[in-house]
Amino acid sequence: MPLVRISLVKGHPATLRRSIGDAVHRALVETIDVPERDRFQLLAEHEAGDLVYDSEYLGIARSDNIVIIQITLSTGRSLEKKRKLYRRIAHHLGELGVRREDVWINLVEVAKENWSFGNGVASYAPAESVAA
């Protein structure tokens, strides 16, 4: 059920963008029990001036190859699982040549009733009762 937004500065090959998406999804499956086929991602490139970030925030030296990942998911994962997810994403992206310092991740947790996967139905909410 996660919705993953991945943002990069323009100029990366489509194959790398797709590989980054694959790596993030693999980390979600490996660490926080996301089903393999539960994959919804938005991969976007931005002009250099349209992706704004602090290159030294918290003492981390970021480059123009920053990858910003925002994951919206249902609430309920432990801090330990979240930490494993962050490490696994950084590891997998490192295998693609992305510096760990350039992996920026934000989790947005929402209640389960905030998802509709189609048909105008609150997919994870209890079924509606019909008044007689």
C-alpha atoms as a PDB file:
ATOM      1  CA  MET A   1       0.000   0.000   0.000  1.00  0.00           C
ATOM      2  CA  PRO A   2       2.826   2.477  -0.006  1.00  0.00           C
ATOM      3  CA  LEU A   3       2.858   5.297  -2.500  1.00  0.00           C
ATOM      4  CA  VAL A   4       6.477   6.128  -3.307  1.00  0.00           C
ATOM      5  CA  ARG A   5       7.590   9.414  -4.848  1.00  0.00           C
ATOM      6  CA  ILE A   6      11.178   9.516  -6.070  1.00  0.00           C
ATOM      7  CA  SER A   7      12.644  12.816  -7.206  1.00  0.00           C
ATOM      8  CA  LEU A   8      15.966  13.403  -8.962  1.00  0.00           C
ATOM      9  CA  VAL A   9      17.668  16.242 -10.800  1.00  0.00           C
ATOM     10  CA  LYS A  10      17.105  15.928 -14.554  1.00  0.00           C
ATOM     11  CA  GLY A  11      19.648  14.073 -16.639  1.00  0.00           C
ATOM     12  CA  HIS A  12      19.633  10.500 -15.316  1.00  0.00           C
ATOM     13  CA  PRO A  13      18.988   7.703 -17.802  1.00  0.00           C
ATOM     14  CA  ALA A  14      15.553   6.057 -17.668  1.00  0.00           C
ATOM     15  CA  THR A  15      17.229   2.756 -16.806  1.00  0.00           C
ATOM     16  CA  LEU A  16      18.777   4.271 -13.654  1.00  0.00           C
ATOM     17  CA  ARG A  17      15.463   5.823 -12.612  1.00  0.00           C
ATOM     18  CA  ARG A  18      13.756   2.469 -12.987  1.00  0.00           C
ATOM     19  CA  SER A  19      16.581   0.721 -11.096  1.00  0.00           C
ATOM     20  CA  ILE A  20      16.201   3.200  -8.244  1.00  0.00           C
ATOM     21  CA  GLY A  21      12.475   2.459  -8.142  1.00  0.00           C
ATOM     22  CA  ASP A  22      13.226  -1.273  -8.134  1.00  0.00           C
ATOM     23  CA  ALA A  23      15.731  -0.855  -5.299  1.00  0.00           C
ATOM     24  CA  VAL A  24      13.334   1.134  -3.132  1.00  0.00           C
ATOM     25  CA  HIS A  25      10.558  -1.395  -3.677  1.00  0.00           C
ATOM     26  CA  ARG A  26      12.885  -4.291  -2.884  1.00  0.00           C
ATOM     27  CA  ALA A  27      13.803  -2.588   0.416  1.00  0.00           C
ATOM     28  CA  LEU A  28      10.116  -2.132   1.284  1.00  0.00           C
ATOM     29  CA  VAL A  29       9.444  -5.827   0.654  1.00  0.00           C
ATOM     30  CA  GLU A  30      12.531  -6.923   2.612  1.00  0.00           C
ATOM     31  CA  THR A  31      12.060  -4.756   5.699  1.00  0.00           C
ATOM     32  CA  ILE A  32       8.473  -3.706   6.336  1.00  0.00           C
ATOM     33  CA  ASP A  33       6.474  -6.594   4.847  1.00  0.00           C
ATOM     34  CA  VAL A  34       5.123  -4.859   1.758  1.00  0.00           C
ATOM     35  CA  PRO A  35       3.728  -7.473  -0.658  1.00  0.00           C
ATOM     36  CA  GLU A  36       5.809  -7.918  -3.826  1.00  0.00           C
ATOM     37  CA  ARG A  37       2.980  -6.842  -6.160  1.00  0.00           C
ATOM     38  CA  ASP A  38       1.987  -3.826  -4.036  1.00  0.00           C
ATOM     39  CA  ARG A  39       3.956  -1.285  -6.049  1.00  0.00           C
ATOM     40  CA  PHE A  40       2.833   2.272  -6.771  1.00  0.00           C
ATOM     41  CA  GLN A  41       5.580   4.775  -7.626  1.00  0.00           C
ATOM     42  CA  LEU A  42       5.989   8.209  -9.150  1.00  0.00           C
ATOM     43  CA  LEU A  43       9.469   8.740 -10.601  1.00  0.00           C
ATOM     44  CA  ALA A  44      10.115  12.378 -11.429  1.00  0.00           C
ATOM     45  CA  GLU A  45      13.026  14.408 -12.698  1.00  0.00           C
ATOM     46  CA  HIS A  46      13.274  18.109 -11.926  1.00  0.00           C
ATOM     47  CA  GLU A  47      15.256  20.983 -13.387  1.00  0.00           C
ATOM     48  CA  ALA A  48      18.283  21.746 -11.196  1.00  0.00           C
ATOM     49  CA  GLY A  49      16.669  24.878  -9.751  1.00  0.00           C
ATOM     50  CA  ASP A  50      13.373  23.092  -9.040  1.00  0.00           C
ATOM     51  CA  LEU A  51      14.783  20.538  -6.617  1.00  0.00           C
ATOM     52  CA  VAL A  52      15.793  22.633  -3.618  1.00  0.00           C
ATOM     53  CA  TYR A  53      17.742  21.122  -0.718  1.00  0.00           C
ATOM     54  CA  ASP A  54      20.364  22.115   1.835  1.00  0.00           C
ATOM     55  CA  SER A  55      23.676  20.611   0.732  1.00  0.00           C
ATOM     56  CA  GLU A  56      25.010  20.448   4.309  1.00  0.00           C
ATOM     57  CA  TYR A  57      21.994  20.077   6.630  1.00  0.00           C
ATOM     58  CA  LEU A  58      22.856  18.070   9.792  1.00  0.00           C
ATOM     59  CA  GLY A  59      26.480  17.923   8.645  1.00  0.00           C
ATOM     60  CA  ILE A  60      25.747  15.609   5.704  1.00  0.00           C
ATOM     61  CA  ALA A  61      27.464  16.659   2.457  1.00  0.00           C
ATOM     62  CA  ARG A  62      24.878  16.231  -0.317  1.00  0.00           C
ATOM     63  CA  SER A  63      25.595  16.553  -4.031  1.00  0.00           C
ATOM     64  CA  ASP A  64      23.496  17.385  -7.068  1.00  0.00           C
ATOM     65  CA  ASN A  65      22.862  13.650  -7.377  1.00  0.00           C
ATOM     66  CA  ILE A  66      20.503  13.744  -4.387  1.00  0.00           C
ATOM     67  CA  VAL A  67      17.605  11.281  -4.522  1.00  0.00           C
ATOM     68  CA  ILE A  68      14.578  12.418  -2.524  1.00  0.00           C
ATOM     69  CA  ILE A  69      12.239   9.580  -1.603  1.00  0.00           C
ATOM     70  CA  GLN A  70       8.868  10.167   0.030  1.00  0.00           C
ATOM     71  CA  ILE A  71       6.925   7.095   1.078  1.00  0.00           C
ATOM     72  CA  THR A  72       3.286   7.369   2.122  1.00  0.00           C
ATOM     73  CA  LEU A  73       2.202   4.244   3.998  1.00  0.00           C
ATOM     74  CA  SER A  74      -0.229   3.024   6.607  1.00  0.00           C
ATOM     75  CA  THR A  75       0.730   3.772  10.170  1.00  0.00           C
ATOM     76  CA  GLY A  76       1.968   1.044  12.482  1.00  0.00           C
ATOM     77  CA  ARG A  77       5.609   0.165  11.717  1.00  0.00           C
ATOM     78  CA  SER A  78       8.052   0.177  14.607  1.00  0.00           C
ATOM     79  CA  LEU A  79      11.020   2.544  14.744  1.00  0.00           C
ATOM     80  CA  GLU A  80      13.288  -0.495  14.370  1.00  0.00           C
ATOM     81  CA  LYS A  81      11.598  -1.486  11.090  1.00  0.00           C
ATOM     82  CA  LYS A  82      11.795   2.093   9.818  1.00  0.00           C
ATOM     83  CA  ARG A  83      15.510   2.249  10.589  1.00  0.00           C
ATOM     84  CA  LYS A  84      16.046  -1.048   8.754  1.00  0.00           C
ATOM     85  CA  LEU A  85      14.127   0.367   5.789  1.00  0.00           C
ATOM     86  CA  TYR A  86      16.282   3.523   5.666  1.00  0.00           C
ATOM     87  CA  ARG A  87      19.496   1.474   5.821  1.00  0.00           C
ATOM     88  CA  ARG A  88      18.315  -1.000   3.187  1.00  0.00           C
ATOM     89  CA  ILE A  89      17.265   1.729   0.761  1.00  0.00           C
ATOM     90  CA  ALA A  90      20.646   3.472   1.189  1.00  0.00           C
ATOM     91  CA  HIS A  91      22.428   0.137   0.716  1.00  0.00           C
ATOM     92  CA  HIS A  92      20.513  -0.788  -2.458  1.00  0.00           C
ATOM     93  CA  LEU A  93      20.965   2.676  -3.962  1.00  0.00           C
ATOM     94  CA  GLY A  94      24.661   2.519  -3.050  1.00  0.00           C
ATOM     95  CA  GLU A  95      24.893  -0.590  -5.219  1.00  0.00           C
ATOM     96  CA  LEU A  96      23.641   1.602  -8.089  1.00  0.00           C
ATOM     97  CA  GLY A  97      26.341   4.203  -7.467  1.00  0.00           C
ATOM     98  CA  VAL A  98      24.233   6.634  -5.437  1.00  0.00           C
ATOM     99  CA  ARG A  99      26.176   8.018  -2.469  1.00  0.00           C
ATOM    100  CA  ARG A 100      24.532   7.236   0.893  1.00  0.00           C
ATOM    101  CA  GLU A 101      24.795  10.960   1.688  1.00  0.00           C
ATOM    102  CA  ASP A 102      22.545  11.653  -1.301  1.00  0.00           C
ATOM    103  CA  VAL A 103      19.727   9.348  -0.157  1.00  0.00           C
ATOM    104  CA  TRP A 104      17.063  11.498   1.531  1.00  0.00           C
ATOM    105  CA  ILE A 105      13.961   9.658   2.818  1.00  0.00           C
ATOM    106  CA  ASN A 106      10.693  10.867   4.335  1.00  0.00           C
ATOM    107  CA  LEU A 107       7.921   8.579   5.605  1.00  0.00           C
ATOM    108  CA  VAL A 108       4.361   9.894   5.744  1.00  0.00           C
ATOM    109  CA  GLU A 109       2.095   7.673   7.820  1.00  0.00           C
ATOM    110  CA  VAL A 110      -1.666   7.703   7.296  1.00  0.00           C
ATOM    111  CA  ALA A 111      -4.614   5.794   8.733  1.00  0.00           C
ATOM    112  CA  LYS A 112      -5.715   2.763   6.715  1.00  0.00           C
ATOM    113  CA  GLU A 113      -9.047   4.361   5.783  1.00  0.00           C
ATOM    114  CA  ASN A 114      -7.130   6.966   3.762  1.00  0.00           C
ATOM    115  CA  TRP A 115      -6.546   4.572   0.851  1.00  0.00           C
ATOM    116  CA  SER A 116      -8.742   3.900  -2.163  1.00  0.00           C
ATOM    117  CA  PHE A 117      -7.207   1.680  -4.825  1.00  0.00           C
ATOM    118  CA  GLY A 118     -10.129   2.046  -7.198  1.00  0.00           C
ATOM    119  CA  ASN A 119     -13.896   1.930  -7.598  1.00  0.00           C
ATOM    120  CA  GLY A 120     -14.387   4.762  -5.099  1.00  0.00           C
ATOM    121  CA  VAL A 121     -14.000   2.340  -2.197  1.00  0.00           C
ATOM    122  CA  ALA A 122     -12.063   2.888   1.033  1.00  0.00           C
ATOM    123  CA  SER A 123     -10.040  -0.257   0.364  1.00  0.00           C
ATOM    124  CA  TYR A 124      -8.835  -0.977   3.917  1.00  0.00           C
ATOM    125  CA  ALA A 125     -11.788   0.431   5.893  1.00  0.00           C
ATOM    126  CA  PRO A 126     -14.514  -1.743   7.373  1.00  0.00           C
ATOM    127  CA  ALA A 127     -17.367  -2.342   4.936  1.00  0.00           C
ATOM    128  CA  GLU A 128     -20.148   0.212   4.987  1.00  0.00           C
ATOM    129  CA  SER A 129     -23.350  -0.869   6.648  1.00  0.00           C
ATOM    130  CA  VAL A 130     -26.495  -0.266   4.666  1.00  0.00           C
ATOM    131  CA  ALA A 131     -29.369   1.314   6.586  1.00  0.00           C
ATOM    132  CA  ALA A 132     -32.621  -0.637   6.281  1.00  0.00           C
END
